[in-house]
Amino acid sequence: MKFRSAMMFVLAFGVCNLAQAAGEIVIKFSHVVAADTPKGKASEFFAKKAAELTKGRVKVEVYANSALYKDKEEMEALQIGSVQMLAPSLAKFGPLGAKEFEVFDFPYIFDDTAELHRVTQGPIGASLLAKLEAKGIKGLSFWDNGFKSFSANTPIKMPADLKGKKMRIQSSKVLEEEIRSIGGLPQVMAFSEVYQALQTGVVDGTENPVSNFYTQKMHEVQKYLTLTHHGYLGYAVIVNKKFWEGLPADVRGQLETAMKEATLYANKIAQEENDSALEGVKKSGKTIVYVPNKDEKLAFKKAMAPVHTKMADRVGNELLQAIYKETGFDPNKL
């Protein structure tokens, strides 16, 4: 395995150098969601802007829908240079050793995107991205997807409705605790495998922003979707550090500008895409969409509040308190 990884790195690095020598720099940008999701569209926007700003010196090749690598494979592929750029969900950094990123998995820690952006676009976000450099990764930006909702084949109005249900989650200790807090059974699974698992009953339900739920056609195999908006799903756009630092300074600056523009675009369309997807789910007639009332939503908040205390040491209590200060959230006052 080590020999294979080393050979992949040598080949990838050699191809990269040949491309640069020929006057064109190729960046392989891999992700695991559909091309018509907020992340899919933002990555294509970045590719277009990169070509424009560098006047064709950089070609960004976008590979959507796990075409190159699945969830568990893509991070190693980046580190060894088989791909140059990824936009993994923030839960993916815990297994890499950057457990602090799992703070974004804490339930109800952000009420809206305004609170979220005070964290991702401020000093806290910058300090989190900086922690990746020791892993050979350069963090460039945070991209929004949206707030997650629960789905299943039985109605979901209260936390007790998910008791005993096998719920698919990303690999995150915080998310495991979140599902246990409402009596569910957390099932870690690659995103590309979720549709079939729902279809065959391997899992009973899942949590997703509506755009992911709709574009992966989960509405075809889930009868109920409840808009709990209990957690956030976002991405960090990252690049192989050695590759990035090896770029000509002017090209790197142009790509940074392209990324800033792509981030503005990504965050702008995220809510629009989720709103559009929600309409698509409703029009399909296959999934009943439920909006919890004030008391029902409070029940979810109270049920999940202990997650904050149990997982504080995992992400660092200092980081957690800094985010509370930015957002005004206090799990002890629910």
C-alpha atoms as a PDB file:
ATOM      1  CA  MET A   1       0.000   0.000   0.000  1.00  0.00           C
ATOM      2  CA  LYS A   2       2.830   2.399   0.865  1.00  0.00           C
ATOM      3  CA  PHE A   3       4.585   1.540  -2.419  1.00  0.00           C
ATOM      4  CA  ARG A   4       1.362   2.146  -4.381  1.00  0.00           C
ATOM      5  CA  SER A   5       0.836   5.504  -2.690  1.00  0.00           C
ATOM      6  CA  ALA A   6       4.436   6.518  -3.360  1.00  0.00           C
ATOM      7  CA  MET A   7       4.123   5.611  -7.038  1.00  0.00           C
ATOM      8  CA  MET A   8       0.847   7.544  -7.306  1.00  0.00           C
ATOM      9  CA  PHE A   9       2.584  10.591  -5.834  1.00  0.00           C
ATOM     10  CA  VAL A  10       5.599  10.354  -8.183  1.00  0.00           C
ATOM     11  CA  LEU A  11       3.383   9.998 -11.239  1.00  0.00           C
ATOM     12  CA  ALA A  12       1.053  12.814 -10.178  1.00  0.00           C
ATOM     13  CA  PHE A  13       3.963  15.146  -9.368  1.00  0.00           C
ATOM     14  CA  GLY A  14       5.669  14.337 -12.665  1.00  0.00           C
ATOM     15  CA  VAL A  15       2.534  14.978 -14.708  1.00  0.00           C
ATOM     16  CA  CYS A  16       2.014  18.261 -12.863  1.00  0.00           C
ATOM     17  CA  ASN A  17       5.554  19.420 -13.629  1.00  0.00           C
ATOM     18  CA  LEU A  18       5.232  18.456 -17.300  1.00  0.00           C
ATOM     19  CA  ALA A  19       1.970  20.399 -17.540  1.00  0.00           C
ATOM     20  CA  GLN A  20       3.573  23.482 -16.007  1.00  0.00           C
ATOM     21  CA  ALA A  21       6.606  23.179 -18.270  1.00  0.00           C
ATOM     22  CA  ALA A  22       4.295  23.095 -21.282  1.00  0.00           C
ATOM     23  CA  GLY A  23       2.722  26.353 -20.150  1.00  0.00           C
ATOM     24  CA  GLU A  24      -0.524  24.880 -18.806  1.00  0.00           C
ATOM     25  CA  ILE A  25      -1.102  24.048 -15.159  1.00  0.00           C
ATOM     26  CA  VAL A  26      -3.730  21.350 -14.616  1.00  0.00           C
ATOM     27  CA  ILE A  27      -5.639  21.218 -11.338  1.00  0.00           C
ATOM     28  CA  LYS A  28      -7.794  18.168 -10.726  1.00  0.00           C
ATOM     29  CA  PHE A  29     -10.693  19.213  -8.489  1.00  0.00           C
ATOM     30  CA  SER A  30     -12.577  16.192  -7.141  1.00  0.00           C
ATOM     31  CA  HIS A  31     -15.804  16.109  -5.123  1.00  0.00           C
ATOM     32  CA  VAL A  32     -18.484  13.586  -4.174  1.00  0.00           C
ATOM     33  CA  VAL A  33     -21.798  15.375  -4.831  1.00  0.00           C
ATOM     34  CA  ALA A  34     -23.774  15.983  -8.019  1.00  0.00           C
ATOM     35  CA  ALA A  35     -22.745  18.670 -10.490  1.00  0.00           C
ATOM     36  CA  ASP A  36     -26.035  20.536  -9.985  1.00  0.00           C
ATOM     37  CA  THR A  37     -25.568  21.046  -6.225  1.00  0.00           C
ATOM     38  CA  PRO A  38     -24.220  24.284  -4.706  1.00  0.00           C
ATOM     39  CA  LYS A  39     -20.732  22.747  -4.415  1.00  0.00           C
ATOM     40  CA  GLY A  40     -20.894  21.317  -7.925  1.00  0.00           C
ATOM     41  CA  LYS A  41     -21.863  24.649  -9.448  1.00  0.00           C
ATOM     42  CA  ALA A  42     -19.328  26.589  -7.372  1.00  0.00           C
ATOM     43  CA  SER A  43     -16.479  24.299  -8.437  1.00  0.00           C
ATOM     44  CA  GLU A  44     -17.387  24.826 -12.088  1.00  0.00           C
ATOM     45  CA  PHE A  45     -17.566  28.584 -11.451  1.00  0.00           C
ATOM     46  CA  PHE A  46     -14.085  28.469  -9.926  1.00  0.00           C
ATOM     47  CA  ALA A  47     -12.773  26.523 -12.935  1.00  0.00           C
ATOM     48  CA  LYS A  48     -14.162  29.152 -15.305  1.00  0.00           C
ATOM     49  CA  LYS A  49     -12.780  32.065 -13.265  1.00  0.00           C
ATOM     50  CA  ALA A  50      -9.369  30.395 -12.936  1.00  0.00           C
ATOM     51  CA  ALA A  51      -9.110  30.057 -16.712  1.00  0.00           C
ATOM     52  CA  GLU A  52     -10.201  33.680 -17.232  1.00  0.00           C
ATOM     53  CA  LEU A  53      -7.935  35.285 -14.648  1.00  0.00           C
ATOM     54  CA  THR A  54      -4.861  33.260 -15.601  1.00  0.00           C
ATOM     55  CA  LYS A  55      -5.593  33.752 -19.314  1.00  0.00           C
ATOM     56  CA  GLY A  56      -5.598  30.016 -19.906  1.00  0.00           C
ATOM     57  CA  ARG A  57      -2.441  29.183 -17.956  1.00  0.00           C
ATOM     58  CA  VAL A  58      -4.508  27.133 -15.510  1.00  0.00           C
ATOM     59  CA  LYS A  59      -6.992  24.435 -16.447  1.00  0.00           C
ATOM     60  CA  VAL A  60      -9.193  23.197 -13.594  1.00  0.00           C
ATOM     61  CA  GLU A  61     -10.695  19.773 -14.319  1.00  0.00           C
ATOM     62  CA  VAL A  62     -13.736  19.153 -12.109  1.00  0.00           C
ATOM     63  CA  TYR A  63     -14.722  15.574 -11.298  1.00  0.00           C
ATOM     64  CA  ALA A  64     -18.166  15.406  -9.653  1.00  0.00           C
ATOM     65  CA  ASN A  65     -20.236  12.663  -8.014  1.00  0.00           C
ATOM     66  CA  SER A  66     -17.317  10.529  -6.740  1.00  0.00           C
ATOM     67  CA  ALA A  67     -16.124  10.003 -10.324  1.00  0.00           C
ATOM     68  CA  LEU A  68     -12.512   9.776  -9.115  1.00  0.00           C
ATOM     69  CA  TYR A  69     -12.654   9.079  -5.389  1.00  0.00           C
ATOM     70  CA  LYS A  70     -15.207   8.275  -2.694  1.00  0.00           C
ATOM     71  CA  ASP A  71     -15.404  10.011   0.688  1.00  0.00           C
ATOM     72  CA  LYS A  72     -12.838   7.821   2.411  1.00  0.00           C
ATOM     73  CA  GLU A  73     -10.348   7.892  -0.480  1.00  0.00           C
ATOM     74  CA  GLU A  74     -10.202  11.517  -1.544  1.00  0.00           C
ATOM     75  CA  MET A  75      -8.176  12.928   1.354  1.00  0.00           C
ATOM     76  CA  GLU A  76      -5.306  10.488   0.846  1.00  0.00           C
ATOM     77  CA  ALA A  77      -5.452  11.182  -2.893  1.00  0.00           C
ATOM     78  CA  LEU A  78      -4.947  14.887  -2.164  1.00  0.00           C
ATOM     79  CA  GLN A  79      -2.114  14.331   0.288  1.00  0.00           C
ATOM     80  CA  ILE A  80      -0.146  12.150  -2.146  1.00  0.00           C
ATOM     81  CA  GLY A  81      -0.854  14.437  -5.098  1.00  0.00           C
ATOM     82  CA  SER A  82      -3.207  12.291  -7.197  1.00  0.00           C
ATOM     83  CA  VAL A  83      -5.600  15.249  -7.125  1.00  0.00           C
ATOM     84  CA  GLN A  84      -4.740  18.836  -6.324  1.00  0.00           C
ATOM     85  CA  MET A  85      -7.996  20.228  -4.950  1.00  0.00           C
ATOM     86  CA  LEU A  86     -10.992  19.023  -2.936  1.00  0.00           C
ATOM     87  CA  ALA A  87     -13.967  20.531  -1.148  1.00  0.00           C
ATOM     88  CA  PRO A  88     -14.760  17.915   1.526  1.00  0.00           C
ATOM     89  CA  SER A  89     -17.477  18.423   4.089  1.00  0.00           C
ATOM     90  CA  LEU A  90     -16.143  19.687   7.386  1.00  0.00           C
ATOM     91  CA  ALA A  91     -16.791  16.385   9.168  1.00  0.00           C
ATOM     92  CA  LYS A  92     -14.065  14.787   7.014  1.00  0.00           C
ATOM     93  CA  PHE A  93     -11.251  16.494   8.912  1.00  0.00           C
ATOM     94  CA  GLY A  94     -11.850  14.698  12.210  1.00  0.00           C
ATOM     95  CA  PRO A  95     -10.490  11.345  10.952  1.00  0.00           C
ATOM     96  CA  LEU A  96      -7.511  13.279   9.561  1.00  0.00           C
ATOM     97  CA  GLY A  97      -6.632  14.409  13.079  1.00  0.00           C
ATOM     98  CA  ALA A  98      -8.126  17.916  12.901  1.00  0.00           C
ATOM     99  CA  LYS A  99     -10.933  17.183  15.358  1.00  0.00           C
ATOM    100  CA  GLU A 100     -11.639  20.888  15.854  1.00  0.00           C
ATOM    101  CA  PHE A 101     -13.546  20.921  12.548  1.00  0.00           C
ATOM    102  CA  GLU A 102     -16.216  18.714  14.105  1.00  0.00           C
ATOM    103  CA  VAL A 103     -17.416  21.801  15.988  1.00  0.00           C
ATOM    104  CA  PHE A 104     -19.456  22.537  12.848  1.00  0.00           C
ATOM    105  CA  ASP A 105     -21.355  19.284  13.507  1.00  0.00           C
ATOM    106  CA  PHE A 106     -22.652  20.484  16.878  1.00  0.00           C
ATOM    107  CA  PRO A 107     -26.470  20.587  16.764  1.00  0.00           C
ATOM    108  CA  TYR A 108     -28.170  23.984  16.584  1.00  0.00           C
ATOM    109  CA  ILE A 109     -24.896  25.867  17.155  1.00  0.00           C
ATOM    110  CA  PHE A 110     -25.808  28.279  14.318  1.00  0.00           C
ATOM    111  CA  ASP A 111     -29.266  29.778  13.927  1.00  0.00           C
ATOM    112  CA  ASP A 112     -28.623  31.189  10.472  1.00  0.00           C
ATOM    113  CA  THR A 113     -25.922  31.930   7.905  1.00  0.00           C
ATOM    114  CA  ALA A 114     -25.198  35.350   9.407  1.00  0.00           C
ATOM    115  CA  GLU A 115     -24.029  33.684  12.628  1.00  0.00           C
ATOM    116  CA  LEU A 116     -22.188  31.025  10.655  1.00  0.00           C
ATOM    117  CA  HIS A 117     -20.281  33.531   8.522  1.00  0.00           C
ATOM    118  CA  ARG A 118     -19.075  35.426  11.583  1.00  0.00           C
ATOM    119  CA  VAL A 119     -17.193  32.215  12.353  1.00  0.00           C
ATOM    120  CA  THR A 120     -16.152  30.893   8.914  1.00  0.00           C
ATOM    121  CA  GLN A 121     -15.193  34.294   7.510  1.00  0.00           C
ATOM    122  CA  GLY A 122     -13.532  35.605  10.666  1.00  0.00           C
ATOM    123  CA  PRO A 123     -10.459  34.827  12.782  1.00  0.00           C
ATOM    124  CA  ILE A 124     -11.889  31.518  14.030  1.00  0.00           C
ATOM    125  CA  GLY A 125     -12.295  30.207  10.497  1.00  0.00           C
ATOM    126  CA  ALA A 126      -8.819  31.349   9.498  1.00  0.00           C
ATOM    127  CA  SER A 127      -7.250  29.659  12.535  1.00  0.00           C
ATOM    128  CA  LEU A 128      -9.035  26.383  11.726  1.00  0.00           C
ATOM    129  CA  LEU A 129      -7.802  26.370   8.125  1.00  0.00           C
ATOM    130  CA  ALA A 130      -4.258  27.086   9.331  1.00  0.00           C
ATOM    131  CA  LYS A 131      -4.324  23.867  11.385  1.00  0.00           C
ATOM    132  CA  LEU A 132      -4.398  21.841   8.149  1.00  0.00           C
ATOM    133  CA  GLU A 133      -0.941  22.919   7.019  1.00  0.00           C
ATOM    134  CA  ALA A 134       0.747  20.375   9.286  1.00  0.00           C
ATOM    135  CA  LYS A 135      -1.138  17.709   7.292  1.00  0.00           C
ATOM    136  CA  GLY A 136       0.304  18.913   3.975  1.00  0.00           C
ATOM    137  CA  ILE A 137      -2.927  20.726   3.153  1.00  0.00           C
ATOM    138  CA  LYS A 138      -3.586  24.389   2.408  1.00  0.00           C
ATOM    139  CA  GLY A 139      -7.069  25.601   3.344  1.00  0.00           C
ATOM    140  CA  LEU A 140      -8.402  28.204   0.921  1.00  0.00           C
ATOM    141  CA  SER A 141     -12.003  28.905   1.875  1.00  0.00           C
ATOM    142  CA  PHE A 142     -15.270  27.734   3.417  1.00  0.00           C
ATOM    143  CA  TRP A 143     -18.270  27.079   1.174  1.00  0.00           C
ATOM    144  CA  ASP A 144     -21.855  26.767   2.378  1.00  0.00           C
ATOM    145  CA  ASN A 145     -24.253  24.000   1.522  1.00  0.00           C
ATOM    146  CA  GLY A 146     -27.033  24.452   4.033  1.00  0.00           C
ATOM    147  CA  PHE A 147     -28.781  23.289   7.164  1.00  0.00           C
ATOM    148  CA  LYS A 148     -29.673  19.625   7.533  1.00  0.00           C
ATOM    149  CA  SER A 149     -33.038  17.973   7.977  1.00  0.00           C
ATOM    150  CA  PHE A 150     -34.039  14.448   8.941  1.00  0.00           C
ATOM    151  CA  SER A 151     -35.722  11.994   6.580  1.00  0.00           C
ATOM    152  CA  ALA A 152     -37.198   8.526   7.114  1.00  0.00           C
ATOM    153  CA  ASN A 153     -40.039   6.290   5.951  1.00  0.00           C
ATOM    154  CA  THR A 154     -42.116   7.067   9.036  1.00  0.00           C
ATOM    155  CA  PRO A 155     -43.323  10.504  10.210  1.00  0.00           C
ATOM    156  CA  ILE A 156     -40.873  12.651  12.215  1.00  0.00           C
ATOM    157  CA  LYS A 157     -42.395  15.210  14.546  1.00  0.00           C
ATOM    158  CA  MET A 158     -40.541  14.635  17.806  1.00  0.00           C
ATOM    159  CA  PRO A 159     -37.111  13.195  18.717  1.00  0.00           C
ATOM    160  CA  ALA A 160     -38.785   9.974  19.927  1.00  0.00           C
ATOM    161  CA  ASP A 161     -39.912   9.304  16.349  1.00  0.00           C
ATOM    162  CA  LEU A 162     -36.306   8.443  15.445  1.00  0.00           C
ATOM    163  CA  LYS A 163     -35.759   6.086  18.361  1.00  0.00           C
ATOM    164  CA  GLY A 164     -34.246   2.814  17.137  1.00  0.00           C
ATOM    165  CA  LYS A 165     -33.902   4.109  13.563  1.00  0.00           C
ATOM    166  CA  LYS A 166     -30.674   3.400  11.678  1.00  0.00           C
ATOM    167  CA  MET A 167     -29.588   6.852  10.532  1.00  0.00           C
ATOM    168  CA  ARG A 168     -26.806   7.394   8.009  1.00  0.00           C
ATOM    169  CA  ILE A 169     -24.211   9.973   9.014  1.00  0.00           C
ATOM    170  CA  GLN A 170     -20.780  11.101   7.933  1.00  0.00           C
ATOM    171  CA  SER A 171     -17.786   9.897   9.902  1.00  0.00           C
ATOM    172  CA  SER A 172     -17.917  12.195  12.938  1.00  0.00           C
ATOM    173  CA  LYS A 173     -17.912  11.396  16.643  1.00  0.00           C
ATOM    174  CA  VAL A 174     -20.075  14.455  17.213  1.00  0.00           C
ATOM    175  CA  LEU A 175     -22.673  13.239  14.713  1.00  0.00           C
ATOM    176  CA  GLU A 176     -22.640   9.794  16.319  1.00  0.00           C
ATOM    177  CA  GLU A 177     -23.463  11.404  19.649  1.00  0.00           C
ATOM    178  CA  GLU A 178     -26.111  13.589  18.016  1.00  0.00           C
ATOM    179  CA  ILE A 179     -28.011  10.561  16.691  1.00  0.00           C
ATOM    180  CA  ARG A 180     -27.666   8.700  19.995  1.00  0.00           C
ATOM    181  CA  SER A 181     -29.048  11.731  21.854  1.00  0.00           C
ATOM    182  CA  ILE A 182     -32.402  11.222  20.110  1.00  0.00           C
ATOM    183  CA  GLY A 183     -32.350   7.428  20.450  1.00  0.00           C
ATOM    184  CA  GLY A 184     -31.235   6.653  16.904  1.00  0.00           C
ATOM    185  CA  LEU A 185     -28.558   4.253  15.712  1.00  0.00           C
ATOM    186  CA  PRO A 186     -25.754   6.092  13.833  1.00  0.00           C
ATOM    187  CA  GLN A 187     -24.518   4.392  10.661  1.00  0.00           C
ATOM    188  CA  VAL A 188     -21.358   5.796   9.048  1.00  0.00           C
ATOM    189  CA  MET A 189     -21.502   5.399   5.278  1.00  0.00           C
ATOM    190  CA  ALA A 190     -19.990   6.912   2.126  1.00  0.00           C
ATOM    191  CA  PHE A 191     -22.271   9.481   0.506  1.00  0.00           C
ATOM    192  CA  SER A 192     -22.271   7.630  -2.823  1.00  0.00           C
ATOM    193  CA  GLU A 193     -23.757   4.544  -1.127  1.00  0.00           C
ATOM    194  CA  VAL A 194     -26.652   6.233   0.675  1.00  0.00           C
ATOM    195  CA  TYR A 195     -29.364   5.993  -2.004  1.00  0.00           C
ATOM    196  CA  GLN A 196     -29.020   2.227  -2.356  1.00  0.00           C
ATOM    197  CA  ALA A 197     -28.814   1.787   1.417  1.00  0.00           C
ATOM    198  CA  LEU A 198     -32.080   3.702   1.839  1.00  0.00           C
ATOM    199  CA  GLN A 199     -33.687   1.803  -1.028  1.00  0.00           C
ATOM    200  CA  THR A 200     -32.790  -1.601   0.407  1.00  0.00           C
ATOM    201  CA  GLY A 201     -33.447  -0.746   4.052  1.00  0.00           C
ATOM    202  CA  VAL A 202     -29.831  -1.048   5.178  1.00  0.00           C
ATOM    203  CA  VAL A 203     -30.486   2.314   6.826  1.00  0.00           C
ATOM    204  CA  ASP A 204     -33.855   3.816   7.759  1.00  0.00           C
ATOM    205  CA  GLY A 205     -33.106   7.470   7.254  1.00  0.00           C
ATOM    206  CA  THR A 206     -30.534  10.197   6.983  1.00  0.00           C
ATOM    207  CA  GLU A 207     -29.764  13.886   7.529  1.00  0.00           C
ATOM    208  CA  ASN A 208     -29.042  16.223   4.634  1.00  0.00           C
ATOM    209  CA  PRO A 209     -29.534  19.719   3.314  1.00  0.00           C
ATOM    210  CA  VAL A 210     -32.465  19.511   0.910  1.00  0.00           C
ATOM    211  CA  SER A 211     -30.244  20.133  -2.132  1.00  0.00           C
ATOM    212  CA  ASN A 212     -28.298  16.918  -1.441  1.00  0.00           C
ATOM    213  CA  PHE A 213     -31.503  15.031  -0.604  1.00  0.00           C
ATOM    214  CA  TYR A 214     -33.087  16.029  -3.926  1.00  0.00           C
ATOM    215  CA  THR A 215     -30.134  15.801  -6.317  1.00  0.00           C
ATOM    216  CA  GLN A 216     -29.271  12.317  -5.021  1.00  0.00           C
ATOM    217  CA  LYS A 217     -32.925  11.329  -5.568  1.00  0.00           C
ATOM    218  CA  MET A 218     -33.386  10.313  -1.945  1.00  0.00           C
ATOM    219  CA  HIS A 219     -36.962  11.610  -2.173  1.00  0.00           C
ATOM    220  CA  GLU A 220     -37.674   8.541  -4.284  1.00  0.00           C
ATOM    221  CA  VAL A 221     -36.863   6.236  -1.355  1.00  0.00           C
ATOM    222  CA  GLN A 222     -37.850   8.337   1.686  1.00  0.00           C
ATOM    223  CA  LYS A 223     -41.505   9.044   2.472  1.00  0.00           C
ATOM    224  CA  TYR A 224     -40.996  11.799   5.043  1.00  0.00           C
ATOM    225  CA  LEU A 225     -38.726  14.828   5.334  1.00  0.00           C
ATOM    226  CA  THR A 226     -38.899  17.063   8.406  1.00  0.00           C
ATOM    227  CA  LEU A 227     -37.241  20.482   8.220  1.00  0.00           C
ATOM    228  CA  THR A 228     -35.478  20.344  11.571  1.00  0.00           C
ATOM    229  CA  HIS A 229     -32.495  22.432  10.374  1.00  0.00           C
ATOM    230  CA  HIS A 230     -30.647  20.892  13.304  1.00  0.00           C
ATOM    231  CA  GLY A 231     -27.123  21.047  11.934  1.00  0.00           C
ATOM    232  CA  TYR A 232     -24.944  22.695   9.345  1.00  0.00           C
ATOM    233  CA  LEU A 233     -23.266  21.085   6.354  1.00  0.00           C
ATOM    234  CA  GLY A 234     -20.479  23.048   4.725  1.00  0.00           C
ATOM    235  CA  TYR A 235     -17.201  22.483   2.983  1.00  0.00           C
ATOM    236  CA  ALA A 236     -13.587  23.586   3.183  1.00  0.00           C
ATOM    237  CA  VAL A 237     -11.904  24.074  -0.170  1.00  0.00           C
ATOM    238  CA  ILE A 238      -8.412  22.655   0.177  1.00  0.00           C
ATOM    239  CA  VAL A 239      -5.372  22.135  -2.006  1.00  0.00           C
ATOM    240  CA  ASN A 240      -2.209  20.068  -1.805  1.00  0.00           C
ATOM    241  CA  LYS A 241       0.193  22.384   0.056  1.00  0.00           C
ATOM    242  CA  LYS A 242       3.331  21.431  -1.869  1.00  0.00           C
ATOM    243  CA  PHE A 243       1.547  21.893  -5.188  1.00  0.00           C
ATOM    244  CA  TRP A 244       0.127  25.264  -4.115  1.00  0.00           C
ATOM    245  CA  GLU A 245       3.442  26.633  -2.885  1.00  0.00           C
ATOM    246  CA  GLY A 246       5.122  25.440  -6.087  1.00  0.00           C
ATOM    247  CA  LEU A 247       2.884  27.594  -8.285  1.00  0.00           C
ATOM    248  CA  PRO A 248       4.253  30.856  -9.714  1.00  0.00           C
ATOM    249  CA  ALA A 249       3.384  33.708  -7.350  1.00  0.00           C
ATOM    250  CA  ASP A 250       1.307  35.571  -9.931  1.00  0.00           C
ATOM    251  CA  VAL A 251      -0.725  32.463 -10.755  1.00  0.00           C
ATOM    252  CA  ARG A 252      -1.306  31.755  -7.081  1.00  0.00           C
ATOM    253  CA  GLY A 253      -2.607  35.309  -6.618  1.00  0.00           C
ATOM    254  CA  GLN A 254      -4.940  34.955  -9.589  1.00  0.00           C
ATOM    255  CA  LEU A 255      -6.286  31.672  -8.211  1.00  0.00           C
ATOM    256  CA  GLU A 256      -6.837  33.277  -4.797  1.00  0.00           C
ATOM    257  CA  THR A 257      -8.942  35.952  -6.518  1.00  0.00           C
ATOM    258  CA  ALA A 258     -10.854  33.270  -8.418  1.00  0.00           C
ATOM    259  CA  MET A 259     -11.499  31.460  -5.118  1.00  0.00           C
ATOM    260  CA  LYS A 260     -12.802  34.625  -3.438  1.00  0.00           C
ATOM    261  CA  GLU A 261     -15.253  35.142  -6.291  1.00  0.00           C
ATOM    262  CA  ALA A 262     -16.247  31.475  -6.265  1.00  0.00           C
ATOM    263  CA  THR A 263     -16.857  31.630  -2.505  1.00  0.00           C
ATOM    264  CA  LEU A 264     -19.191  34.615  -2.874  1.00  0.00           C
ATOM    265  CA  TYR A 265     -21.016  32.730  -5.620  1.00  0.00           C
ATOM    266  CA  ALA A 266     -21.158  29.463  -3.646  1.00  0.00           C
ATOM    267  CA  ASN A 267     -22.606  31.091  -0.550  1.00  0.00           C
ATOM    268  CA  LYS A 268     -25.102  33.107  -2.587  1.00  0.00           C
ATOM    269  CA  ILE A 269     -26.542  30.138  -4.445  1.00  0.00           C
ATOM    270  CA  ALA A 270     -26.573  27.696  -1.509  1.00  0.00           C
ATOM    271  CA  GLN A 271     -29.886  28.950  -0.112  1.00  0.00           C
ATOM    272  CA  GLU A 272     -31.356  29.395  -3.592  1.00  0.00           C
ATOM    273  CA  GLU A 273     -30.495  25.802  -4.504  1.00  0.00           C
ATOM    274  CA  ASN A 274     -31.973  24.451  -1.276  1.00  0.00           C
ATOM    275  CA  ASP A 275     -35.175  26.443  -1.821  1.00  0.00           C
ATOM    276  CA  SER A 276     -35.426  25.144  -5.389  1.00  0.00           C
ATOM    277  CA  ALA A 277     -34.729  21.567  -4.276  1.00  0.00           C
ATOM    278  CA  LEU A 278     -37.447  21.811  -1.624  1.00  0.00           C
ATOM    279  CA  GLU A 279     -39.952  22.790  -4.300  1.00  0.00           C
ATOM    280  CA  GLY A 280     -38.754  19.849  -6.377  1.00  0.00           C
ATOM    281  CA  VAL A 281     -39.300  17.443  -3.491  1.00  0.00           C
ATOM    282  CA  LYS A 282     -42.803  18.793  -2.880  1.00  0.00           C
ATOM    283  CA  LYS A 283     -43.761  18.658  -6.570  1.00  0.00           C
ATOM    284  CA  SER A 284     -42.554  15.055  -6.861  1.00  0.00           C
ATOM    285  CA  GLY A 285     -45.371  13.959  -4.571  1.00  0.00           C
ATOM    286  CA  LYS A 286     -43.169  11.147  -3.275  1.00  0.00           C
ATOM    287  CA  THR A 287     -42.081  12.702   0.013  1.00  0.00           C
ATOM    288  CA  ILE A 288     -44.246  14.452   2.598  1.00  0.00           C
ATOM    289  CA  VAL A 289     -42.457  17.585   3.851  1.00  0.00           C
ATOM    290  CA  TYR A 290     -43.192  18.595   7.439  1.00  0.00           C
ATOM    291  CA  VAL A 291     -42.299  21.857   9.171  1.00  0.00           C
ATOM    292  CA  PRO A 292     -42.042  21.371  12.959  1.00  0.00           C
ATOM    293  CA  ASN A 293     -43.829  23.885  15.152  1.00  0.00           C
ATOM    294  CA  LYS A 294     -42.070  25.901  17.851  1.00  0.00           C
ATOM    295  CA  ASP A 295     -42.579  23.300  20.584  1.00  0.00           C
ATOM    296  CA  GLU A 296     -41.447  20.411  18.374  1.00  0.00           C
ATOM    297  CA  LYS A 297     -38.286  22.225  17.332  1.00  0.00           C
ATOM    298  CA  LEU A 298     -37.546  23.086  20.961  1.00  0.00           C
ATOM    299  CA  ALA A 299     -37.901  19.393  21.817  1.00  0.00           C
ATOM    300  CA  PHE A 300     -35.159  18.564  19.295  1.00  0.00           C
ATOM    301  CA  LYS A 301     -32.943  21.332  20.668  1.00  0.00           C
ATOM    302  CA  LYS A 302     -33.355  20.124  24.241  1.00  0.00           C
ATOM    303  CA  ALA A 303     -32.774  16.481  23.313  1.00  0.00           C
ATOM    304  CA  MET A 304     -29.543  17.345  21.515  1.00  0.00           C
ATOM    305  CA  ALA A 305     -28.209  19.934  23.978  1.00  0.00           C
ATOM    306  CA  PRO A 306     -26.178  17.335  25.971  1.00  0.00           C
ATOM    307  CA  VAL A 307     -24.075  16.719  22.862  1.00  0.00           C
ATOM    308  CA  HIS A 308     -22.405  20.079  23.473  1.00  0.00           C
ATOM    309  CA  THR A 309     -21.242  19.070  26.942  1.00  0.00           C
ATOM    310  CA  LYS A 310     -20.222  15.525  26.008  1.00  0.00           C
ATOM    311  CA  MET A 311     -18.224  16.580  22.939  1.00  0.00           C
ATOM    312  CA  ALA A 312     -16.669  19.812  24.241  1.00  0.00           C
ATOM    313  CA  ASP A 313     -13.331  18.142  25.018  1.00  0.00           C
ATOM    314  CA  ARG A 314     -13.158  16.611  21.562  1.00  0.00           C
ATOM    315  CA  VAL A 315     -13.133  19.936  19.718  1.00  0.00           C
ATOM    316  CA  GLY A 316     -11.672  22.001  22.562  1.00  0.00           C
ATOM    317  CA  ASN A 317     -13.755  23.932  25.040  1.00  0.00           C
ATOM    318  CA  GLU A 318     -11.898  27.168  24.237  1.00  0.00           C
ATOM    319  CA  LEU A 319     -12.937  26.920  20.577  1.00  0.00           C
ATOM    320  CA  LEU A 320     -16.503  26.079  21.540  1.00  0.00           C
ATOM    321  CA  GLN A 321     -16.749  29.064  23.890  1.00  0.00           C
ATOM    322  CA  ALA A 322     -15.302  31.370  21.215  1.00  0.00           C
ATOM    323  CA  ILE A 323     -18.064  30.272  18.822  1.00  0.00           C
ATOM    324  CA  TYR A 324     -20.745  30.700  21.505  1.00  0.00           C
ATOM    325  CA  LYS A 325     -19.465  34.245  21.949  1.00  0.00           C
ATOM    326  CA  GLU A 326     -19.903  34.934  18.227  1.00  0.00           C
ATOM    327  CA  THR A 327     -23.337  33.324  17.924  1.00  0.00           C
ATOM    328  CA  GLY A 328     -24.904  33.893  21.331  1.00  0.00           C
ATOM    329  CA  PHE A 329     -25.851  30.208  21.630  1.00  0.00           C
ATOM    330  CA  ASP A 330     -26.040  28.717  25.119  1.00  0.00           C
ATOM    331  CA  PRO A 331     -27.086  25.038  25.354  1.00  0.00           C
ATOM    332  CA  ASN A 332     -27.659  25.435  29.097  1.00  0.00           C
ATOM    333  CA  LYS A 333     -30.472  27.938  28.584  1.00  0.00           C
ATOM    334  CA  LEU A 334     -32.762  25.832  26.411  1.00  0.00           C
END
